[in-house]
Amino acid sequence: MKVCFVVRSVPGQAPNYTTTHLAFEAFKRGHLVAFANIHSFSFSDTQGIRAHVVVPRDRQVSTTREFLEALNHPYALRTDMSLEDFDVVFLRYNPASASGDRHNPAIEFGRLLKQRKVLVVNDPAGLERASSKMYLMSLPPTVRAKTLVSRNPQQIKEFIRELRRPVIIKPLNGYGGQDVFLVKSQKDINLNQIISAVAKSGYVMAQEYLTKAKYGDKRLLLLNGEPIYVGKRPAIYNRVAPPDDIRANIHIGGTRRATELTEKEEEIIQTVRSRIVADGLYFVGADLIGEKLIELNVFCPGGIHNINELYGINVGEYVIADLERRSRVWRTHAFQQTPGAGQAFA
């Protein structure tokens, strides 16, 4: 395959990033691997869709750190290439992480690439639909926590009063655990300030606080709507919040622990699988608390490094092997279908 990973910053990649693990596994398997910065695209009627890419040349690498050294080495190939010549373009860019920027040019260019028979993951149309936590509201209420989305302070207060239990308040388009607050009741003296602070950036999500959150949340990696299993081991781990914090994100001090995937959690994933597959969301991170789905991460879900180290497995190798199969099927499917026909396939 020729596979291009689209990221916010090529030099900014780190050895423990999931993108790095995926690219390294593709590189080890002999594929041409390129990285493109999200702002390096161009389109013209004569040259089509192009991007400035970086391609590592040194094949004698044995770790993700050495792979990144090869990627950032002065001898790495840096050139404009037609993205239409790639078999796979893997979009690994979260617009919410770029100083609050909500615009995602990867979706627009990705849509054009898909029209030109390139396999784009995740599917640009699916990314657009799932670009907000509101996507969760389109899923059956039985699989998720009770939720209100509003900018009306009175509605939020009424929701808290009727629920009669603690509530998590966070930005609808937030990420990485930023501006997340626990409100114990509508009588909380800081409630007005919390709502006002969160509402400054847009809509507010008020979500039932699940008591099992004190034991952390679970990050489960999905491939084509199914939990990833390497052998008998599911690609899942437990993230536990640091003391005096309600957020379990690893980058803010949360700790990782081994865990299992319960039958109830399997049922939740099977309930939402058809929607995920229909939207072309091939590689997804599902966050679960107390056997409820609290979030789907579709732009650049992480966790491979932690899972690999916890269980001594190789999730990246599994993903790339499946992507090879998917790419072969896609090429056959894409060039046989009539223009405008065909959507995401299982």
C-alpha atoms as a PDB file:
ATOM      1  CA  MET A   1       0.000   0.000   0.000  1.00  0.00           C
ATOM      2  CA  LYS A   2       0.800   3.652  -0.251  1.00  0.00           C
ATOM      3  CA  VAL A   3      -0.656   5.199   2.895  1.00  0.00           C
ATOM      4  CA  CYS A   4      -0.596   8.836   3.999  1.00  0.00           C
ATOM      5  CA  PHE A   5      -1.289   9.920   7.575  1.00  0.00           C
ATOM      6  CA  VAL A   6      -2.746  13.424   7.859  1.00  0.00           C
ATOM      7  CA  VAL A   7      -1.767  15.081  11.158  1.00  0.00           C
ATOM      8  CA  ARG A   8      -1.682  18.511  12.741  1.00  0.00           C
ATOM      9  CA  SER A   9       2.126  18.598  12.918  1.00  0.00           C
ATOM     10  CA  VAL A  10       4.612  16.145  11.430  1.00  0.00           C
ATOM     11  CA  PRO A  11       7.528  17.152  13.729  1.00  0.00           C
ATOM     12  CA  GLY A  12       5.096  17.088  16.660  1.00  0.00           C
ATOM     13  CA  GLN A  13       4.530  13.324  16.524  1.00  0.00           C
ATOM     14  CA  ALA A  14       5.656  11.361  19.588  1.00  0.00           C
ATOM     15  CA  PRO A  15       6.727   7.703  20.004  1.00  0.00           C
ATOM     16  CA  ASN A  16       3.698   6.875  22.152  1.00  0.00           C
ATOM     17  CA  TYR A  17       1.103   8.347  19.762  1.00  0.00           C
ATOM     18  CA  THR A  18      -1.336   5.920  18.209  1.00  0.00           C
ATOM     19  CA  THR A  19      -0.644   7.495  14.792  1.00  0.00           C
ATOM     20  CA  THR A  20       3.044   6.709  15.224  1.00  0.00           C
ATOM     21  CA  HIS A  21       2.305   3.089  16.132  1.00  0.00           C
ATOM     22  CA  LEU A  22       0.043   2.650  13.103  1.00  0.00           C
ATOM     23  CA  ALA A  23       2.532   4.260  10.722  1.00  0.00           C
ATOM     24  CA  PHE A  24       5.438   2.264  12.152  1.00  0.00           C
ATOM     25  CA  GLU A  25       3.582  -1.027  11.654  1.00  0.00           C
ATOM     26  CA  ALA A  26       2.731  -0.108   8.059  1.00  0.00           C
ATOM     27  CA  PHE A  27       6.376   0.853   7.496  1.00  0.00           C
ATOM     28  CA  LYS A  28       7.639  -2.452   8.945  1.00  0.00           C
ATOM     29  CA  ARG A  29       5.323  -4.366   6.607  1.00  0.00           C
ATOM     30  CA  GLY A  30       6.987  -2.747   3.594  1.00  0.00           C
ATOM     31  CA  HIS A  31       4.380  -0.148   2.697  1.00  0.00           C
ATOM     32  CA  LEU A  32       5.213   3.358   1.525  1.00  0.00           C
ATOM     33  CA  VAL A  33       4.328   5.568   4.484  1.00  0.00           C
ATOM     34  CA  ALA A  34       3.957   9.337   4.208  1.00  0.00           C
ATOM     35  CA  PHE A  35       2.930  12.064   6.644  1.00  0.00           C
ATOM     36  CA  ALA A  36       1.151  15.259   5.609  1.00  0.00           C
ATOM     37  CA  ASN A  37       0.476  18.370   7.633  1.00  0.00           C
ATOM     38  CA  ILE A  38      -3.214  19.355   7.702  1.00  0.00           C
ATOM     39  CA  HIS A  39      -2.380  22.716   6.105  1.00  0.00           C
ATOM     40  CA  SER A  40      -0.243  21.321   3.257  1.00  0.00           C
ATOM     41  CA  PHE A  41      -3.067  20.363   0.845  1.00  0.00           C
ATOM     42  CA  SER A  42      -3.712  21.910  -2.555  1.00  0.00           C
ATOM     43  CA  PHE A  43      -6.232  21.344  -5.329  1.00  0.00           C
ATOM     44  CA  SER A  44      -6.281  22.420  -8.940  1.00  0.00           C
ATOM     45  CA  ASP A  45      -8.123  21.263 -12.043  1.00  0.00           C
ATOM     46  CA  THR A  46      -4.853  20.344 -13.718  1.00  0.00           C
ATOM     47  CA  GLN A  47      -2.971  18.653 -10.873  1.00  0.00           C
ATOM     48  CA  GLY A  48      -5.797  17.353  -8.695  1.00  0.00           C
ATOM     49  CA  ILE A  49      -5.312  16.950  -4.943  1.00  0.00           C
ATOM     50  CA  ARG A  50      -1.742  17.229  -3.743  1.00  0.00           C
ATOM     51  CA  ALA A  51       0.035  17.639  -0.429  1.00  0.00           C
ATOM     52  CA  HIS A  52       3.536  18.320   0.812  1.00  0.00           C
ATOM     53  CA  VAL A  53       4.546  15.036   2.430  1.00  0.00           C
ATOM     54  CA  VAL A  54       7.415  13.615   4.431  1.00  0.00           C
ATOM     55  CA  VAL A  55       8.500  10.041   3.696  1.00  0.00           C
ATOM     56  CA  PRO A  56      11.054   8.257   5.916  1.00  0.00           C
ATOM     57  CA  ARG A  57      13.777   6.485   3.943  1.00  0.00           C
ATOM     58  CA  ASP A  58      15.762   4.527   6.549  1.00  0.00           C
ATOM     59  CA  ARG A  59      14.336   0.986   6.688  1.00  0.00           C
ATOM     60  CA  GLN A  60      16.659  -0.083   9.528  1.00  0.00           C
ATOM     61  CA  VAL A  61      14.381   0.945  12.379  1.00  0.00           C
ATOM     62  CA  SER A  62      13.150  -1.268  15.207  1.00  0.00           C
ATOM     63  CA  THR A  63      11.202   1.085  17.501  1.00  0.00           C
ATOM     64  CA  THR A  64       8.684   3.899  17.150  1.00  0.00           C
ATOM     65  CA  ARG A  65      11.334   6.310  18.419  1.00  0.00           C
ATOM     66  CA  GLU A  66      13.755   5.264  15.673  1.00  0.00           C
ATOM     67  CA  PHE A  67      10.937   5.490  13.149  1.00  0.00           C
ATOM     68  CA  LEU A  68      10.281   9.131  14.118  1.00  0.00           C
ATOM     69  CA  GLU A  69      14.006   9.861  13.945  1.00  0.00           C
ATOM     70  CA  ALA A  70      13.932   8.586  10.357  1.00  0.00           C
ATOM     71  CA  LEU A  71      10.822  10.647   9.648  1.00  0.00           C
ATOM     72  CA  ASN A  72      12.445  13.834  10.941  1.00  0.00           C
ATOM     73  CA  HIS A  73      15.918  13.123   9.545  1.00  0.00           C
ATOM     74  CA  PRO A  74      17.274  15.632   6.983  1.00  0.00           C
ATOM     75  CA  TYR A  75      17.514  12.771   4.448  1.00  0.00           C
ATOM     76  CA  ALA A  76      13.798  11.984   4.670  1.00  0.00           C
ATOM     77  CA  LEU A  77      12.025  12.708   1.403  1.00  0.00           C
ATOM     78  CA  ARG A  78      10.127  16.006   1.496  1.00  0.00           C
ATOM     79  CA  THR A  79       8.137  16.670  -1.632  1.00  0.00           C
ATOM     80  CA  ASP A  80       4.742  17.427  -3.154  1.00  0.00           C
ATOM     81  CA  MET A  81       2.847  14.273  -4.092  1.00  0.00           C
ATOM     82  CA  SER A  82      -0.554  13.538  -5.575  1.00  0.00           C
ATOM     83  CA  LEU A  83      -2.739  12.105  -2.832  1.00  0.00           C
ATOM     84  CA  GLU A  84      -4.845  10.526  -5.550  1.00  0.00           C
ATOM     85  CA  ASP A  85      -1.983   8.066  -6.087  1.00  0.00           C
ATOM     86  CA  PHE A  86      -2.278   6.746  -2.520  1.00  0.00           C
ATOM     87  CA  ASP A  87      -4.253   3.632  -1.650  1.00  0.00           C
ATOM     88  CA  VAL A  88      -5.200   4.929   1.815  1.00  0.00           C
ATOM     89  CA  VAL A  89      -5.358   8.407   3.319  1.00  0.00           C
ATOM     90  CA  PHE A  90      -5.738   8.119   7.092  1.00  0.00           C
ATOM     91  CA  LEU A  91      -7.183  11.311   8.622  1.00  0.00           C
ATOM     92  CA  ARG A  92      -5.695  11.729  12.107  1.00  0.00           C
ATOM     93  CA  TYR A  93      -6.503  15.358  12.851  1.00  0.00           C
ATOM     94  CA  ASN A  94      -8.769  16.655  15.619  1.00  0.00           C
ATOM     95  CA  PRO A  95      -9.795  20.263  14.874  1.00  0.00           C
ATOM     96  CA  ALA A  96     -10.784  20.811  18.515  1.00  0.00           C
ATOM     97  CA  SER A  97      -7.135  20.390  19.561  1.00  0.00           C
ATOM     98  CA  ALA A  98      -5.918  23.246  17.366  1.00  0.00           C
ATOM     99  CA  SER A  99      -6.449  26.278  19.607  1.00  0.00           C
ATOM    100  CA  GLY A 100     -10.217  25.964  19.468  1.00  0.00           C
ATOM    101  CA  ASP A 101     -10.368  25.838  15.669  1.00  0.00           C
ATOM    102  CA  ARG A 102     -13.519  23.995  14.569  1.00  0.00           C
ATOM    103  CA  HIS A 103     -12.731  24.044  10.863  1.00  0.00           C
ATOM    104  CA  ASN A 104     -11.409  20.749   9.529  1.00  0.00           C
ATOM    105  CA  PRO A 105     -10.033  21.005   5.975  1.00  0.00           C
ATOM    106  CA  ALA A 106      -9.262  17.256   6.104  1.00  0.00           C
ATOM    107  CA  ILE A 107     -12.980  16.567   5.724  1.00  0.00           C
ATOM    108  CA  GLU A 108     -13.289  18.713   2.584  1.00  0.00           C
ATOM    109  CA  PHE A 109     -10.186  17.340   0.878  1.00  0.00           C
ATOM    110  CA  GLY A 110     -11.025  13.848   2.101  1.00  0.00           C
ATOM    111  CA  ARG A 111     -14.423  14.047   0.423  1.00  0.00           C
ATOM    112  CA  LEU A 112     -12.757  14.921  -2.896  1.00  0.00           C
ATOM    113  CA  LEU A 113     -10.264  12.082  -2.484  1.00  0.00           C
ATOM    114  CA  LYS A 114     -13.041   9.586  -1.840  1.00  0.00           C
ATOM    115  CA  GLN A 115     -14.756  10.720  -5.041  1.00  0.00           C
ATOM    116  CA  ARG A 116     -11.485   9.927  -6.807  1.00  0.00           C
ATOM    117  CA  LYS A 117     -11.547   6.315  -5.519  1.00  0.00           C
ATOM    118  CA  VAL A 118      -9.067   6.767  -2.642  1.00  0.00           C
ATOM    119  CA  LEU A 119      -9.891   4.881   0.566  1.00  0.00           C
ATOM    120  CA  VAL A 120     -10.221   7.622   3.197  1.00  0.00           C
ATOM    121  CA  VAL A 121     -10.450   6.656   6.869  1.00  0.00           C
ATOM    122  CA  ASN A 122     -12.312   7.615   8.766  1.00  0.00           C
ATOM    123  CA  ASP A 123     -14.952   8.438   6.133  1.00  0.00           C
ATOM    124  CA  PRO A 124     -15.191  12.255   5.715  1.00  0.00           C
ATOM    125  CA  ALA A 125     -19.004  12.272   5.790  1.00  0.00           C
ATOM    126  CA  GLY A 126     -18.982  10.191   8.967  1.00  0.00           C
ATOM    127  CA  LEU A 127     -16.448  12.511  10.579  1.00  0.00           C
ATOM    128  CA  GLU A 128     -18.654  15.467   9.761  1.00  0.00           C
ATOM    129  CA  ARG A 129     -21.686  13.784  11.358  1.00  0.00           C
ATOM    130  CA  ALA A 130     -19.713  12.779  14.432  1.00  0.00           C
ATOM    131  CA  SER A 131     -17.793  16.041  14.802  1.00  0.00           C
ATOM    132  CA  SER A 132     -19.640  16.889  17.993  1.00  0.00           C
ATOM    133  CA  LYS A 133     -20.672  14.993  21.112  1.00  0.00           C
ATOM    134  CA  MET A 134     -24.218  15.534  19.811  1.00  0.00           C
ATOM    135  CA  TYR A 135     -23.579  12.451  17.679  1.00  0.00           C
ATOM    136  CA  LEU A 136     -24.018  10.429  20.847  1.00  0.00           C
ATOM    137  CA  MET A 137     -27.589  11.722  21.107  1.00  0.00           C
ATOM    138  CA  SER A 138     -28.467   9.936  17.861  1.00  0.00           C
ATOM    139  CA  LEU A 139     -27.774   6.599  19.558  1.00  0.00           C
ATOM    140  CA  PRO A 140     -30.356   4.695  21.632  1.00  0.00           C
ATOM    141  CA  PRO A 141     -30.834   6.276  25.102  1.00  0.00           C
ATOM    142  CA  THR A 142     -30.444   2.844  26.708  1.00  0.00           C
ATOM    143  CA  VAL A 143     -26.709   2.786  25.922  1.00  0.00           C
ATOM    144  CA  ARG A 144     -25.777   6.237  27.240  1.00  0.00           C
ATOM    145  CA  ALA A 145     -26.112   8.429  30.302  1.00  0.00           C
ATOM    146  CA  LYS A 146     -29.083  10.796  30.613  1.00  0.00           C
ATOM    147  CA  THR A 147     -28.097  14.009  28.883  1.00  0.00           C
ATOM    148  CA  LEU A 148     -29.216  17.555  28.158  1.00  0.00           C
ATOM    149  CA  VAL A 149     -27.637  19.813  25.522  1.00  0.00           C
ATOM    150  CA  SER A 150     -28.536  23.480  25.899  1.00  0.00           C
ATOM    151  CA  ARG A 151     -27.227  27.025  26.365  1.00  0.00           C
ATOM    152  CA  ASN A 152     -30.200  27.995  28.508  1.00  0.00           C
ATOM    153  CA  PRO A 153     -29.121  28.197  32.192  1.00  0.00           C
ATOM    154  CA  GLN A 154     -32.679  27.613  33.425  1.00  0.00           C
ATOM    155  CA  GLN A 155     -33.040  24.440  31.372  1.00  0.00           C
ATOM    156  CA  ILE A 156     -29.744  23.144  32.712  1.00  0.00           C
ATOM    157  CA  LYS A 157     -30.751  23.885  36.300  1.00  0.00           C
ATOM    158  CA  GLU A 158     -34.118  22.221  35.808  1.00  0.00           C
ATOM    159  CA  PHE A 159     -32.416  19.144  34.355  1.00  0.00           C
ATOM    160  CA  ILE A 160     -30.182  18.916  37.438  1.00  0.00           C
ATOM    161  CA  ARG A 161     -33.160  19.387  39.777  1.00  0.00           C
ATOM    162  CA  GLU A 162     -35.261  16.688  38.100  1.00  0.00           C
ATOM    163  CA  LEU A 163     -32.372  14.244  37.895  1.00  0.00           C
ATOM    164  CA  ARG A 164     -31.721  14.501  41.662  1.00  0.00           C
ATOM    165  CA  ARG A 165     -28.180  13.290  41.340  1.00  0.00           C
ATOM    166  CA  PRO A 166     -24.784  14.798  40.484  1.00  0.00           C
ATOM    167  CA  VAL A 167     -24.208  16.007  36.929  1.00  0.00           C
ATOM    168  CA  ILE A 168     -21.136  16.503  34.752  1.00  0.00           C
ATOM    169  CA  ILE A 169     -21.131  19.815  32.884  1.00  0.00           C
ATOM    170  CA  LYS A 170     -18.770  20.202  29.924  1.00  0.00           C
ATOM    171  CA  PRO A 171     -18.555  21.902  26.519  1.00  0.00           C
ATOM    172  CA  LEU A 172     -20.416  20.106  23.757  1.00  0.00           C
ATOM    173  CA  ASN A 173     -17.359  20.460  21.511  1.00  0.00           C
ATOM    174  CA  GLY A 174     -14.756  19.997  24.228  1.00  0.00           C
ATOM    175  CA  TYR A 175     -11.834  17.595  24.190  1.00  0.00           C
ATOM    176  CA  GLY A 176      -9.097  16.244  26.427  1.00  0.00           C
ATOM    177  CA  GLY A 177     -10.936  16.846  29.704  1.00  0.00           C
ATOM    178  CA  GLN A 178     -10.943  20.645  29.396  1.00  0.00           C
ATOM    179  CA  ASP A 179     -13.611  22.641  31.276  1.00  0.00           C
ATOM    180  CA  VAL A 180     -15.251  19.586  32.843  1.00  0.00           C
ATOM    181  CA  PHE A 181     -17.121  20.205  36.123  1.00  0.00           C
ATOM    182  CA  LEU A 182     -18.943  18.030  38.628  1.00  0.00           C
ATOM    183  CA  VAL A 183     -22.115  19.640  40.032  1.00  0.00           C
ATOM    184  CA  LYS A 184     -23.651  17.813  42.990  1.00  0.00           C
ATOM    185  CA  SER A 185     -27.025  19.605  42.931  1.00  0.00           C
ATOM    186  CA  GLN A 186     -28.856  22.646  41.550  1.00  0.00           C
ATOM    187  CA  LYS A 187     -28.030  24.382  44.859  1.00  0.00           C
ATOM    188  CA  ASP A 188     -24.306  24.428  44.121  1.00  0.00           C
ATOM    189  CA  ILE A 189     -23.194  27.994  44.832  1.00  0.00           C
ATOM    190  CA  ASN A 190     -20.878  27.988  41.785  1.00  0.00           C
ATOM    191  CA  LEU A 191     -23.481  26.664  39.326  1.00  0.00           C
ATOM    192  CA  ASN A 192     -24.148  29.989  37.580  1.00  0.00           C
ATOM    193  CA  GLN A 193     -20.434  30.643  37.111  1.00  0.00           C
ATOM    194  CA  ILE A 194     -19.837  27.113  35.824  1.00  0.00           C
ATOM    195  CA  ILE A 195     -22.639  27.322  33.265  1.00  0.00           C
ATOM    196  CA  SER A 196     -21.506  30.766  32.163  1.00  0.00           C
ATOM    197  CA  ALA A 197     -17.875  29.671  31.789  1.00  0.00           C
ATOM    198  CA  VAL A 198     -18.717  26.553  29.759  1.00  0.00           C
ATOM    199  CA  ALA A 199     -21.358  28.313  27.618  1.00  0.00           C
ATOM    200  CA  LYS A 200     -18.816  30.902  26.436  1.00  0.00           C
ATOM    201  CA  SER A 201     -17.429  28.382  23.948  1.00  0.00           C
ATOM    202  CA  GLY A 202     -20.832  27.193  22.709  1.00  0.00           C
ATOM    203  CA  TYR A 203     -23.452  24.674  23.768  1.00  0.00           C
ATOM    204  CA  VAL A 204     -23.280  22.987  27.159  1.00  0.00           C
ATOM    205  CA  MET A 205     -23.631  19.251  27.719  1.00  0.00           C
ATOM    206  CA  ALA A 206     -25.090  18.311  31.087  1.00  0.00           C
ATOM    207  CA  GLN A 207     -24.699  14.591  31.651  1.00  0.00           C
ATOM    208  CA  GLU A 208     -25.794  12.309  34.455  1.00  0.00           C
ATOM    209  CA  TYR A 209     -22.824  11.523  36.698  1.00  0.00           C
ATOM    210  CA  LEU A 210     -22.337   7.777  36.759  1.00  0.00           C
ATOM    211  CA  THR A 211     -21.315   6.660  40.239  1.00  0.00           C
ATOM    212  CA  LYS A 212     -18.915   4.067  38.849  1.00  0.00           C
ATOM    213  CA  ALA A 213     -16.874   6.945  37.426  1.00  0.00           C
ATOM    214  CA  LYS A 214     -14.910   6.868  40.692  1.00  0.00           C
ATOM    215  CA  TYR A 215     -13.378   3.649  39.356  1.00  0.00           C
ATOM    216  CA  GLY A 216     -12.388   5.418  36.126  1.00  0.00           C
ATOM    217  CA  ASP A 217     -13.527   4.984  32.551  1.00  0.00           C
ATOM    218  CA  LYS A 218     -12.669   2.397  29.934  1.00  0.00           C
ATOM    219  CA  ARG A 219     -11.191   3.138  26.520  1.00  0.00           C
ATOM    220  CA  LEU A 220     -12.115   0.450  23.987  1.00  0.00           C
ATOM    221  CA  LEU A 221     -10.766   0.501  20.441  1.00  0.00           C
ATOM    222  CA  LEU A 222     -13.160  -0.487  17.661  1.00  0.00           C
ATOM    223  CA  LEU A 223     -12.425  -1.533  14.101  1.00  0.00           C
ATOM    224  CA  ASN A 224     -15.351  -1.435  11.696  1.00  0.00           C
ATOM    225  CA  GLY A 225     -17.751  -1.254  14.634  1.00  0.00           C
ATOM    226  CA  GLU A 226     -16.349  -4.304  16.429  1.00  0.00           C
ATOM    227  CA  PRO A 227     -14.077  -4.434  19.502  1.00  0.00           C
ATOM    228  CA  ILE A 228     -10.504  -5.160  18.471  1.00  0.00           C
ATOM    229  CA  TYR A 229      -9.306  -8.523  19.742  1.00  0.00           C
ATOM    230  CA  VAL A 230      -5.673  -9.557  19.463  1.00  0.00           C
ATOM    231  CA  GLY A 231      -5.981 -13.243  20.128  1.00  0.00           C
ATOM    232  CA  LYS A 232      -8.364 -13.411  23.068  1.00  0.00           C
ATOM    233  CA  ARG A 233      -7.340 -10.016  24.461  1.00  0.00           C
ATOM    234  CA  PRO A 234      -9.683  -7.051  23.785  1.00  0.00           C
ATOM    235  CA  ALA A 235      -8.014  -3.703  23.084  1.00  0.00           C
ATOM    236  CA  ILE A 236      -9.345  -2.013  26.214  1.00  0.00           C
ATOM    237  CA  TYR A 237      -7.895  -0.426  29.323  1.00  0.00           C
ATOM    238  CA  ASN A 238      -9.073   1.407  32.428  1.00  0.00           C
ATOM    239  CA  ARG A 239      -8.212   5.079  32.989  1.00  0.00           C
ATOM    240  CA  VAL A 240      -8.419   6.144  36.631  1.00  0.00           C
ATOM    241  CA  ALA A 241      -8.579   9.806  37.638  1.00  0.00           C
ATOM    242  CA  PRO A 242      -5.880  11.287  39.876  1.00  0.00           C
ATOM    243  CA  PRO A 243      -6.817  12.231  43.452  1.00  0.00           C
ATOM    244  CA  ASP A 244      -9.197  15.219  43.744  1.00  0.00           C
ATOM    245  CA  ASP A 245     -10.053  15.179  40.041  1.00  0.00           C
ATOM    246  CA  ILE A 246     -12.987  13.766  38.073  1.00  0.00           C
ATOM    247  CA  ARG A 247     -11.092  13.467  34.779  1.00  0.00           C
ATOM    248  CA  ALA A 248      -9.275  10.264  33.938  1.00  0.00           C
ATOM    249  CA  ASN A 249      -7.370  11.498  30.855  1.00  0.00           C
ATOM    250  CA  ILE A 250      -3.838  10.091  30.896  1.00  0.00           C
ATOM    251  CA  HIS A 251      -2.205  13.370  29.824  1.00  0.00           C
ATOM    252  CA  ILE A 252      -3.547  15.167  32.926  1.00  0.00           C
ATOM    253  CA  GLY A 253      -2.403  12.608  35.451  1.00  0.00           C
ATOM    254  CA  GLY A 254      -4.799   9.698  35.055  1.00  0.00           C
ATOM    255  CA  THR A 255      -3.345   6.228  35.475  1.00  0.00           C
ATOM    256  CA  ARG A 256      -3.852   3.191  33.277  1.00  0.00           C
ATOM    257  CA  ARG A 257      -4.903  -0.227  34.482  1.00  0.00           C
ATOM    258  CA  ALA A 258      -5.706  -3.563  32.904  1.00  0.00           C
ATOM    259  CA  THR A 259      -9.394  -4.407  32.641  1.00  0.00           C
ATOM    260  CA  GLU A 260     -11.836  -6.712  30.880  1.00  0.00           C
ATOM    261  CA  LEU A 261     -14.694  -6.168  28.445  1.00  0.00           C
ATOM    262  CA  THR A 262     -17.987  -7.208  30.035  1.00  0.00           C
ATOM    263  CA  GLU A 263     -20.897  -8.883  28.266  1.00  0.00           C
ATOM    264  CA  LYS A 264     -23.009  -5.758  28.830  1.00  0.00           C
ATOM    265  CA  GLU A 265     -20.343  -3.579  27.227  1.00  0.00           C
ATOM    266  CA  GLU A 266     -20.192  -5.977  24.269  1.00  0.00           C
ATOM    267  CA  GLU A 267     -23.975  -5.609  23.922  1.00  0.00           C
ATOM    268  CA  ILE A 268     -23.672  -1.811  23.903  1.00  0.00           C
ATOM    269  CA  ILE A 269     -21.146  -1.926  21.062  1.00  0.00           C
ATOM    270  CA  GLN A 270     -23.309  -4.330  19.066  1.00  0.00           C
ATOM    271  CA  THR A 271     -26.269  -1.960  19.567  1.00  0.00           C
ATOM    272  CA  VAL A 272     -24.425   0.969  17.999  1.00  0.00           C
ATOM    273  CA  ARG A 273     -22.345  -1.005  15.481  1.00  0.00           C
ATOM    274  CA  SER A 274     -24.705  -0.599  12.535  1.00  0.00           C
ATOM    275  CA  ARG A 275     -24.680   3.191  12.912  1.00  0.00           C
ATOM    276  CA  ILE A 276     -20.892   3.339  13.190  1.00  0.00           C
ATOM    277  CA  VAL A 277     -20.414   1.133  10.120  1.00  0.00           C
ATOM    278  CA  ALA A 278     -23.044   3.021   8.084  1.00  0.00           C
ATOM    279  CA  ASP A 279     -21.164   6.268   8.782  1.00  0.00           C
ATOM    280  CA  GLY A 280     -17.840   4.767   7.677  1.00  0.00           C
ATOM    281  CA  LEU A 281     -16.237   5.215  11.101  1.00  0.00           C
ATOM    282  CA  TYR A 282     -13.625   2.521  10.701  1.00  0.00           C
ATOM    283  CA  PHE A 283     -11.229   3.203  13.606  1.00  0.00           C
ATOM    284  CA  VAL A 284     -12.981   4.515  16.732  1.00  0.00           C
ATOM    285  CA  GLY A 285     -12.315   4.891  20.445  1.00  0.00           C
ATOM    286  CA  ALA A 286     -15.348   4.162  22.637  1.00  0.00           C
ATOM    287  CA  ASP A 287     -15.325   5.469  26.217  1.00  0.00           C
ATOM    288  CA  LEU A 288     -17.441   3.580  28.749  1.00  0.00           C
ATOM    289  CA  ILE A 289     -18.373   4.143  32.390  1.00  0.00           C
ATOM    290  CA  GLY A 290     -20.539   1.834  34.429  1.00  0.00           C
ATOM    291  CA  GLU A 291     -21.593  -0.067  31.317  1.00  0.00           C
ATOM    292  CA  LYS A 292     -22.777   3.113  29.612  1.00  0.00           C
ATOM    293  CA  LEU A 293     -21.293   4.704  26.491  1.00  0.00           C
ATOM    294  CA  ILE A 294     -20.172   8.241  27.305  1.00  0.00           C
ATOM    295  CA  GLU A 295     -18.216   9.212  24.185  1.00  0.00           C
ATOM    296  CA  LEU A 296     -17.100   8.088  20.731  1.00  0.00           C
ATOM    297  CA  ASN A 297     -13.718   9.384  19.585  1.00  0.00           C
ATOM    298  CA  VAL A 298     -13.560   9.396  15.797  1.00  0.00           C
ATOM    299  CA  PHE A 299     -10.911  11.922  14.725  1.00  0.00           C
ATOM    300  CA  CYS A 300      -7.722  10.559  16.262  1.00  0.00           C
ATOM    301  CA  PRO A 301      -8.581   7.982  18.928  1.00  0.00           C
ATOM    302  CA  GLY A 302      -5.601   6.908  20.981  1.00  0.00           C
ATOM    303  CA  GLY A 303      -4.690   4.137  23.369  1.00  0.00           C
ATOM    304  CA  ILE A 304      -2.587   1.688  21.353  1.00  0.00           C
ATOM    305  CA  HIS A 305       0.613   2.456  23.271  1.00  0.00           C
ATOM    306  CA  ASN A 306      -1.032   1.920  26.664  1.00  0.00           C
ATOM    307  CA  ILE A 307      -2.800  -1.260  25.565  1.00  0.00           C
ATOM    308  CA  ASN A 308       0.355  -2.723  24.024  1.00  0.00           C
ATOM    309  CA  GLU A 309       2.369  -2.093  27.190  1.00  0.00           C
ATOM    310  CA  LEU A 310      -0.324  -3.377  29.543  1.00  0.00           C
ATOM    311  CA  TYR A 311      -0.864  -6.674  27.764  1.00  0.00           C
ATOM    312  CA  GLY A 312       2.232  -7.265  25.650  1.00  0.00           C
ATOM    313  CA  ILE A 313       0.260  -7.304  22.382  1.00  0.00           C
ATOM    314  CA  ASN A 314       0.521  -5.384  19.102  1.00  0.00           C
ATOM    315  CA  VAL A 315      -2.725  -3.614  18.222  1.00  0.00           C
ATOM    316  CA  GLY A 316      -1.147  -1.573  15.428  1.00  0.00           C
ATOM    317  CA  GLU A 317      -0.110  -4.696  13.524  1.00  0.00           C
ATOM    318  CA  TYR A 318      -3.696  -5.986  13.743  1.00  0.00           C
ATOM    319  CA  VAL A 319      -5.129  -2.694  12.424  1.00  0.00           C
ATOM    320  CA  ILE A 320      -2.707  -2.441   9.499  1.00  0.00           C
ATOM    321  CA  ALA A 321      -3.291  -6.079   8.504  1.00  0.00           C
ATOM    322  CA  ASP A 322      -7.027  -5.397   8.415  1.00  0.00           C
ATOM    323  CA  LEU A 323      -6.437  -2.162   6.497  1.00  0.00           C
ATOM    324  CA  GLU A 324      -4.506  -4.118   3.853  1.00  0.00           C
ATOM    325  CA  ARG A 325      -7.519  -6.365   3.343  1.00  0.00           C
ATOM    326  CA  ARG A 326      -9.893  -3.415   3.336  1.00  0.00           C
ATOM    327  CA  SER A 327      -7.764  -1.577   0.782  1.00  0.00           C
ATOM    328  CA  ARG A 328      -7.849  -4.541  -1.607  1.00  0.00           C
ATOM    329  CA  VAL A 329     -11.636  -4.801  -1.278  1.00  0.00           C
ATOM    330  CA  TRP A 330     -12.012  -1.041  -1.688  1.00  0.00           C
ATOM    331  CA  ARG A 331     -10.030  -0.921  -4.912  1.00  0.00           C
ATOM    332  CA  THR A 332     -12.208  -3.637  -6.425  1.00  0.00           C
ATOM    333  CA  HIS A 333     -15.401  -2.052  -5.087  1.00  0.00           C
ATOM    334  CA  ALA A 334     -14.520   1.554  -5.984  1.00  0.00           C
ATOM    335  CA  PHE A 335     -13.602   0.908  -9.589  1.00  0.00           C
ATOM    336  CA  GLN A 336     -16.606  -1.295 -10.259  1.00  0.00           C
ATOM    337  CA  GLN A 337     -19.278   1.034  -8.891  1.00  0.00           C
ATOM    338  CA  THR A 338     -20.969   3.641 -11.048  1.00  0.00           C
ATOM    339  CA  PRO A 339     -20.251   7.347 -10.340  1.00  0.00           C
ATOM    340  CA  GLY A 340     -22.042   8.501  -7.206  1.00  0.00           C
ATOM    341  CA  ALA A 341     -23.055   4.995  -6.163  1.00  0.00           C
ATOM    342  CA  GLY A 342     -21.935   3.133  -3.081  1.00  0.00           C
ATOM    343  CA  GLN A 343     -21.293   4.203   0.479  1.00  0.00           C
ATOM    344  CA  ALA A 344     -19.394   2.777   3.417  1.00  0.00           C
ATOM    345  CA  PHE A 345     -19.269  -1.006   3.504  1.00  0.00           C
ATOM    346  CA  ALA A 346     -18.733  -3.526   6.272  1.00  0.00           C
END
